[in-house]
Amino acid sequence: MRNIQKIKVIVGLGNPGDEYKNTRHNAGFMIIDQFLSELKTNFIERHIFSSFLFTGKFRGQKIFLQKPLTFMNLSGKALSLLIKKEKLLPEEVLLVYDDTDLPLGKIRIKQKGSSGGHNGVESVIQEINSSNFARLRIGVNSEERTQQVDFVLGDFTSDEEKIFLEVKKGCCEAIKLILARGVSQAMNQYNGIDYSESNSEDNEK
C-alpha cells in the first residue's frame, strides 16, 4: 500500500490587526479560526516564530496550526522559522489562502504548484526554497470586485458572508479529510463543490 505523506502543519495566510480581520485577504486566518473552533481537543496557543502557533493532536497525530503575523507579503518568514525548528518537510505543509482567480463558493486543493501571483504564496516559496507543498485555495472573486488591492482588503458583503460561512465549514471538512486520508482523496471529493449553489437554494425556499 502506498505511503501517504502526512500533513503536519496547516498555515492560514492573512494580515494581523482588527482592520483586516474580516477582509477577503484574511480567508486563511478565518479558516484556521473555524477549524480550531470545531476541534474537540485543546490546542496550546503560543506567540512564537513571528506567528500565532497552535499545537495539538488530530487523531493521535501532532499537528501545528499557524497564523503568520509578518503581514501577507512576508508570510514565508514565519513558516520558515517553524519548519527549521521542527525539522519539517515542505511536503508536510498545507497552505490555506484566498484566491481571486476562483469565484466565491469554490475551493481548490492541489498537491503543489506556482504562486499564481499571490504574494503570500510567493513569499513561502522563496523562504522555504520549495513549491512542493499542498494548497487549499479559497475563491473570493465576486461581482463586487473593484481594484485588486481594494477588493482583497475589503470586507465580505452580507450576501457574501452567508456563502463564506458554508465555505468555512466545507474547508474544515476538507482539512480533516486531508489529515486523515491525504490530499488526493480531498481533491477528488471537494474540488467540484460550489458552496454558493447551496446558499442560493436556501434563499429560494
C-alpha atoms as a PDB file:
ATOM      1  CA  MET A   1       0.000   0.000   0.000  1.00  0.00           C
ATOM      2  CA  ARG A   2       1.362   3.431  -0.995  1.00  0.00           C
ATOM      3  CA  ASN A   3       2.536   5.548   1.916  1.00  0.00           C
ATOM      4  CA  ILE A   4       0.509   8.767   2.126  1.00  0.00           C
ATOM      5  CA  GLN A   5       2.507  11.874   3.002  1.00  0.00           C
ATOM      6  CA  LYS A   6       1.048  13.209   6.240  1.00  0.00           C
ATOM      7  CA  ILE A   7       0.347  16.915   6.622  1.00  0.00           C
ATOM      8  CA  LYS A   8       1.820  18.181   9.896  1.00  0.00           C
ATOM      9  CA  VAL A   9       1.382  21.947   9.666  1.00  0.00           C
ATOM     10  CA  ILE A  10      -1.552  23.982   8.350  1.00  0.00           C
ATOM     11  CA  VAL A  11      -0.768  27.621   7.634  1.00  0.00           C
ATOM     12  CA  GLY A  12      -3.542  30.145   7.097  1.00  0.00           C
ATOM     13  CA  LEU A  13      -2.445  33.344   5.373  1.00  0.00           C
ATOM     14  CA  GLY A  14      -3.689  36.794   6.319  1.00  0.00           C
ATOM     15  CA  ASN A  15      -2.808  40.144   7.859  1.00  0.00           C
ATOM     16  CA  PRO A  16      -2.757  40.873  11.611  1.00  0.00           C
ATOM     17  CA  GLY A  17      -4.834  43.656  13.115  1.00  0.00           C
ATOM     18  CA  ASP A  18      -8.519  44.396  13.632  1.00  0.00           C
ATOM     19  CA  GLU A  19      -8.727  46.484  10.446  1.00  0.00           C
ATOM     20  CA  TYR A  20      -8.003  43.355   8.377  1.00  0.00           C
ATOM     21  CA  LYS A  21      -9.892  40.824  10.487  1.00  0.00           C
ATOM     22  CA  ASN A  22     -12.875  40.188   8.183  1.00  0.00           C
ATOM     23  CA  THR A  23     -11.318  41.065   4.835  1.00  0.00           C
ATOM     24  CA  ARG A  24     -11.229  38.686   1.876  1.00  0.00           C
ATOM     25  CA  HIS A  25      -7.422  38.547   2.084  1.00  0.00           C
ATOM     26  CA  ASN A  26      -7.781  37.057   5.582  1.00  0.00           C
ATOM     27  CA  ALA A  27      -9.685  33.989   4.411  1.00  0.00           C
ATOM     28  CA  GLY A  28      -6.779  31.782   5.507  1.00  0.00           C
ATOM     29  CA  PHE A  29      -6.823  33.169   9.042  1.00  0.00           C
ATOM     30  CA  MET A  30     -10.583  32.658   9.234  1.00  0.00           C
ATOM     31  CA  ILE A  31     -10.321  29.012   8.185  1.00  0.00           C
ATOM     32  CA  ILE A  32      -7.766  28.361  10.940  1.00  0.00           C
ATOM     33  CA  ASP A  33     -10.092  30.001  13.487  1.00  0.00           C
ATOM     34  CA  GLN A  34     -13.045  27.945  12.260  1.00  0.00           C
ATOM     35  CA  PHE A  35     -11.027  24.724  12.341  1.00  0.00           C
ATOM     36  CA  LEU A  36      -9.894  25.385  15.905  1.00  0.00           C
ATOM     37  CA  SER A  37     -13.487  26.049  16.971  1.00  0.00           C
ATOM     38  CA  GLU A  38     -14.593  22.682  15.543  1.00  0.00           C
ATOM     39  CA  LEU A  39     -11.868  20.561  17.116  1.00  0.00           C
ATOM     40  CA  LYS A  40     -12.849  18.693  20.259  1.00  0.00           C
ATOM     41  CA  THR A  41      -9.306  18.621  21.655  1.00  0.00           C
ATOM     42  CA  ASN A  42      -7.471  21.538  23.233  1.00  0.00           C
ATOM     43  CA  PHE A  43      -4.631  23.204  21.341  1.00  0.00           C
ATOM     44  CA  ILE A  44      -1.835  25.119  23.082  1.00  0.00           C
ATOM     45  CA  GLU A  45      -1.555  28.665  21.740  1.00  0.00           C
ATOM     46  CA  ARG A  46       1.802  30.448  21.647  1.00  0.00           C
ATOM     47  CA  HIS A  47       3.090  33.674  20.148  1.00  0.00           C
ATOM     48  CA  ILE A  48       6.269  32.325  18.556  1.00  0.00           C
ATOM     49  CA  PHE A  49       8.084  32.280  15.187  1.00  0.00           C
ATOM     50  CA  SER A  50       6.510  35.655  14.303  1.00  0.00           C
ATOM     51  CA  SER A  51       3.099  33.995  14.395  1.00  0.00           C
ATOM     52  CA  PHE A  52       0.262  32.650  16.443  1.00  0.00           C
ATOM     53  CA  LEU A  53       1.080  28.944  16.684  1.00  0.00           C
ATOM     54  CA  PHE A  54      -1.398  26.332  17.879  1.00  0.00           C
ATOM     55  CA  THR A  55      -0.075  22.888  18.784  1.00  0.00           C
ATOM     56  CA  GLY A  56      -2.207  19.840  19.441  1.00  0.00           C
ATOM     57  CA  LYS A  57      -3.267  16.457  18.120  1.00  0.00           C
ATOM     58  CA  PHE A  58      -5.683  15.270  15.454  1.00  0.00           C
ATOM     59  CA  ARG A  59      -6.488  11.552  15.593  1.00  0.00           C
ATOM     60  CA  GLY A  60      -3.423  11.000  17.731  1.00  0.00           C
ATOM     61  CA  GLN A  61      -1.052  12.831  15.385  1.00  0.00           C
ATOM     62  CA  LYS A  62       0.704  16.010  16.455  1.00  0.00           C
ATOM     63  CA  ILE A  63      -0.098  18.952  14.182  1.00  0.00           C
ATOM     64  CA  PHE A  64       0.637  22.670  14.073  1.00  0.00           C
ATOM     65  CA  LEU A  65      -1.759  25.414  13.014  1.00  0.00           C
ATOM     66  CA  GLN A  66      -0.052  28.699  12.173  1.00  0.00           C
ATOM     67  CA  LYS A  67      -1.208  32.266  11.529  1.00  0.00           C
ATOM     68  CA  PRO A  68       1.833  34.352  10.449  1.00  0.00           C
ATOM     69  CA  LEU A  69       1.949  37.861  11.922  1.00  0.00           C
ATOM     70  CA  THR A  70       4.506  39.148   9.422  1.00  0.00           C
ATOM     71  CA  PHE A  71       1.816  40.582   7.103  1.00  0.00           C
ATOM     72  CA  MET A  72       0.893  38.784   3.906  1.00  0.00           C
ATOM     73  CA  ASN A  73       3.891  39.624   1.746  1.00  0.00           C
ATOM     74  CA  LEU A  74       6.350  38.187   4.299  1.00  0.00           C
ATOM     75  CA  SER A  75       4.320  35.115   5.298  1.00  0.00           C
ATOM     76  CA  GLY A  76       7.128  32.736   4.381  1.00  0.00           C
ATOM     77  CA  LYS A  77       9.425  34.074   7.092  1.00  0.00           C
ATOM     78  CA  ALA A  78       7.163  32.781   9.865  1.00  0.00           C
ATOM     79  CA  LEU A  79       6.715  29.369   8.245  1.00  0.00           C
ATOM     80  CA  SER A  80      10.437  29.052   7.561  1.00  0.00           C
ATOM     81  CA  LEU A  81      11.222  29.521  11.256  1.00  0.00           C
ATOM     82  CA  LEU A  82       8.730  26.804  12.209  1.00  0.00           C
ATOM     83  CA  ILE A  83       9.990  24.377   9.563  1.00  0.00           C
ATOM     84  CA  LYS A  84      13.615  24.780  10.666  1.00  0.00           C
ATOM     85  CA  LYS A  85      12.827  24.365  14.366  1.00  0.00           C
ATOM     86  CA  GLU A  86      10.574  21.305  13.947  1.00  0.00           C
ATOM     87  CA  LYS A  87      12.580  19.810  11.047  1.00  0.00           C
ATOM     88  CA  LEU A  88       9.511  19.659   8.798  1.00  0.00           C
ATOM     89  CA  LEU A  89       9.449  18.950   5.070  1.00  0.00           C
ATOM     90  CA  PRO A  90       7.678  21.179   2.519  1.00  0.00           C
ATOM     91  CA  GLU A  91       5.504  18.147   1.673  1.00  0.00           C
ATOM     92  CA  GLU A  92       4.188  18.220   5.245  1.00  0.00           C
ATOM     93  CA  VAL A  93       2.737  21.737   4.806  1.00  0.00           C
ATOM     94  CA  LEU A  94      -0.810  22.715   3.805  1.00  0.00           C
ATOM     95  CA  LEU A  95      -1.121  26.395   2.878  1.00  0.00           C
ATOM     96  CA  VAL A  96      -4.612  27.937   3.102  1.00  0.00           C
ATOM     97  CA  TYR A  97      -5.249  31.250   1.339  1.00  0.00           C
ATOM     98  CA  ASP A  98      -7.623  33.438  -0.685  1.00  0.00           C
ATOM     99  CA  ASP A  99      -7.660  33.266  -4.474  1.00  0.00           C
ATOM    100  CA  THR A 100      -9.178  35.962  -6.704  1.00  0.00           C
ATOM    101  CA  ASP A 101      -8.989  33.637  -9.734  1.00  0.00           C
ATOM    102  CA  LEU A 102     -11.706  31.467  -8.179  1.00  0.00           C
ATOM    103  CA  PRO A 103     -15.313  32.599  -7.631  1.00  0.00           C
ATOM    104  CA  LEU A 104     -16.637  32.853  -4.107  1.00  0.00           C
ATOM    105  CA  GLY A 105     -18.126  29.496  -3.163  1.00  0.00           C
ATOM    106  CA  LYS A 106     -15.454  27.325  -4.751  1.00  0.00           C
ATOM    107  CA  ILE A 107     -12.258  25.879  -3.312  1.00  0.00           C
ATOM    108  CA  ARG A 108      -9.350  24.097  -4.965  1.00  0.00           C
ATOM    109  CA  ILE A 109      -6.994  21.643  -3.309  1.00  0.00           C
ATOM    110  CA  LYS A 110      -3.641  20.999  -5.002  1.00  0.00           C
ATOM    111  CA  GLN A 111      -0.555  18.929  -4.248  1.00  0.00           C
ATOM    112  CA  LYS A 112       1.850  21.670  -5.385  1.00  0.00           C
ATOM    113  CA  GLY A 113       2.214  24.457  -7.955  1.00  0.00           C
ATOM    114  CA  SER A 114       3.265  28.043  -8.591  1.00  0.00           C
ATOM    115  CA  SER A 115       2.331  31.124  -6.583  1.00  0.00           C
ATOM    116  CA  GLY A 116      -0.290  32.152  -9.155  1.00  0.00           C
ATOM    117  CA  GLY A 117       0.692  35.768  -8.493  1.00  0.00           C
ATOM    118  CA  HIS A 118      -0.256  35.571  -4.792  1.00  0.00           C
ATOM    119  CA  ASN A 119       2.372  37.492  -2.808  1.00  0.00           C
ATOM    120  CA  GLY A 120       1.917  35.421   0.342  1.00  0.00           C
ATOM    121  CA  VAL A 121       2.426  32.167  -1.531  1.00  0.00           C
ATOM    122  CA  GLU A 122       5.410  33.605  -3.371  1.00  0.00           C
ATOM    123  CA  SER A 123       6.975  34.553  -0.029  1.00  0.00           C
ATOM    124  CA  VAL A 124       6.537  30.987   1.229  1.00  0.00           C
ATOM    125  CA  ILE A 125       8.142  29.552  -1.911  1.00  0.00           C
ATOM    126  CA  GLN A 126      11.106  31.907  -1.601  1.00  0.00           C
ATOM    127  CA  GLU A 127      11.658  31.419   2.136  1.00  0.00           C
ATOM    128  CA  ILE A 128      11.421  27.614   2.246  1.00  0.00           C
ATOM    129  CA  ASN A 129      13.035  27.260  -1.196  1.00  0.00           C
ATOM    130  CA  SER A 130      10.337  24.909  -2.455  1.00  0.00           C
ATOM    131  CA  SER A 131       6.924  24.947  -4.138  1.00  0.00           C
ATOM    132  CA  ASN A 132       6.297  21.318  -3.227  1.00  0.00           C
ATOM    133  CA  PHE A 133       3.634  21.930  -0.591  1.00  0.00           C
ATOM    134  CA  ALA A 134      -0.127  21.352  -0.634  1.00  0.00           C
ATOM    135  CA  ARG A 135      -2.563  24.237  -1.046  1.00  0.00           C
ATOM    136  CA  LEU A 136      -6.168  24.917  -0.195  1.00  0.00           C
ATOM    137  CA  ARG A 137      -7.206  27.851  -2.374  1.00  0.00           C
ATOM    138  CA  ILE A 138     -10.351  29.700  -1.319  1.00  0.00           C
ATOM    139  CA  GLY A 139     -12.265  31.525  -4.027  1.00  0.00           C
ATOM    140  CA  VAL A 140     -13.155  35.129  -3.155  1.00  0.00           C
ATOM    141  CA  ASN A 141     -13.914  36.625  -6.563  1.00  0.00           C
ATOM    142  CA  SER A 142     -17.358  38.163  -6.981  1.00  0.00           C
ATOM    143  CA  GLU A 143     -19.391  40.787  -8.833  1.00  0.00           C
ATOM    144  CA  GLU A 144     -18.316  43.263  -6.147  1.00  0.00           C
ATOM    145  CA  ARG A 145     -14.725  43.168  -7.410  1.00  0.00           C
ATOM    146  CA  THR A 146     -13.040  46.516  -7.974  1.00  0.00           C
ATOM    147  CA  GLN A 147      -9.314  47.259  -7.978  1.00  0.00           C
ATOM    148  CA  GLN A 148      -7.319  44.240  -6.787  1.00  0.00           C
ATOM    149  CA  VAL A 149      -5.857  45.762  -3.599  1.00  0.00           C
ATOM    150  CA  ASP A 150      -9.075  47.492  -2.554  1.00  0.00           C
ATOM    151  CA  PHE A 151     -11.052  44.314  -3.253  1.00  0.00           C
ATOM    152  CA  VAL A 152      -8.965  41.814  -1.277  1.00  0.00           C
ATOM    153  CA  LEU A 153      -8.590  44.255   1.617  1.00  0.00           C
ATOM    154  CA  GLY A 154     -12.334  44.869   1.688  1.00  0.00           C
ATOM    155  CA  ASP A 155     -14.863  43.043   3.867  1.00  0.00           C
ATOM    156  CA  PHE A 156     -17.291  40.469   2.528  1.00  0.00           C
ATOM    157  CA  THR A 157     -20.756  41.847   1.820  1.00  0.00           C
ATOM    158  CA  SER A 158     -23.658  40.470   3.863  1.00  0.00           C
ATOM    159  CA  ASP A 159     -24.645  38.138   0.997  1.00  0.00           C
ATOM    160  CA  GLU A 160     -21.051  37.005   0.551  1.00  0.00           C
ATOM    161  CA  GLU A 161     -20.737  36.291   4.268  1.00  0.00           C
ATOM    162  CA  LYS A 162     -23.580  33.766   4.015  1.00  0.00           C
ATOM    163  CA  ILE A 163     -21.749  31.920   1.250  1.00  0.00           C
ATOM    164  CA  PHE A 164     -18.407  32.169   3.029  1.00  0.00           C
ATOM    165  CA  LEU A 165     -19.908  30.611   6.150  1.00  0.00           C
ATOM    166  CA  GLU A 166     -20.632  27.489   4.079  1.00  0.00           C
ATOM    167  CA  VAL A 167     -17.154  27.698   2.553  1.00  0.00           C
ATOM    168  CA  LYS A 168     -15.560  27.741   6.002  1.00  0.00           C
ATOM    169  CA  LYS A 169     -17.471  24.643   7.037  1.00  0.00           C
ATOM    170  CA  GLY A 170     -16.526  22.890   3.800  1.00  0.00           C
ATOM    171  CA  CYS A 171     -12.855  23.829   4.144  1.00  0.00           C
ATOM    172  CA  CYS A 172     -12.733  22.400   7.651  1.00  0.00           C
ATOM    173  CA  GLU A 173     -14.226  19.113   6.461  1.00  0.00           C
ATOM    174  CA  ALA A 174     -11.693  19.055   3.625  1.00  0.00           C
ATOM    175  CA  ILE A 175      -8.819  19.669   6.045  1.00  0.00           C
ATOM    176  CA  LYS A 176      -9.996  16.831   8.264  1.00  0.00           C
ATOM    177  CA  LEU A 177     -10.014  14.507   5.255  1.00  0.00           C
ATOM    178  CA  ILE A 178      -6.553  15.706   4.192  1.00  0.00           C
ATOM    179  CA  LEU A 179      -5.197  14.948   7.664  1.00  0.00           C
ATOM    180  CA  ALA A 180      -6.890  11.559   7.810  1.00  0.00           C
ATOM    181  CA  ARG A 181      -6.561  10.225   4.255  1.00  0.00           C
ATOM    182  CA  GLY A 182      -4.314  12.527   2.248  1.00  0.00           C
ATOM    183  CA  VAL A 183      -4.501  15.379  -0.247  1.00  0.00           C
ATOM    184  CA  SER A 184      -5.548  13.311  -3.288  1.00  0.00           C
ATOM    185  CA  GLN A 185      -8.627  11.974  -1.541  1.00  0.00           C
ATOM    186  CA  ALA A 186      -9.710  15.501  -0.584  1.00  0.00           C
ATOM    187  CA  MET A 187      -9.099  16.792  -4.120  1.00  0.00           C
ATOM    188  CA  ASN A 188     -11.454  14.178  -5.536  1.00  0.00           C
ATOM    189  CA  GLN A 189     -14.175  14.934  -3.012  1.00  0.00           C
ATOM    190  CA  TYR A 190     -14.110  18.719  -2.653  1.00  0.00           C
ATOM    191  CA  ASN A 191     -12.728  20.352  -5.815  1.00  0.00           C
ATOM    192  CA  GLY A 192     -16.031  20.142  -7.668  1.00  0.00           C
ATOM    193  CA  ILE A 193     -18.279  21.629  -4.985  1.00  0.00           C
ATOM    194  CA  ASP A 194     -19.833  25.086  -5.356  1.00  0.00           C
ATOM    195  CA  TYR A 195     -20.963  26.316  -1.942  1.00  0.00           C
ATOM    196  CA  SER A 196     -22.723  29.329  -3.458  1.00  0.00           C
ATOM    197  CA  GLU A 197     -25.285  26.976  -5.025  1.00  0.00           C
ATOM    198  CA  SER A 198     -26.433  25.572  -1.685  1.00  0.00           C
ATOM    199  CA  ASN A 199     -26.790  29.129  -0.408  1.00  0.00           C
ATOM    200  CA  SER A 200     -28.890  30.104  -3.449  1.00  0.00           C
ATOM    201  CA  GLU A 201     -31.160  27.109  -2.843  1.00  0.00           C
ATOM    202  CA  ASP A 202     -31.679  28.207   0.774  1.00  0.00           C
ATOM    203  CA  ASN A 203     -32.658  31.716  -0.371  1.00  0.00           C
ATOM    204  CA  GLU A 204     -35.257  30.328  -2.776  1.00  0.00           C
ATOM    205  CA  LYS A 205     -37.036  28.325  -0.065  1.00  0.00           C
END
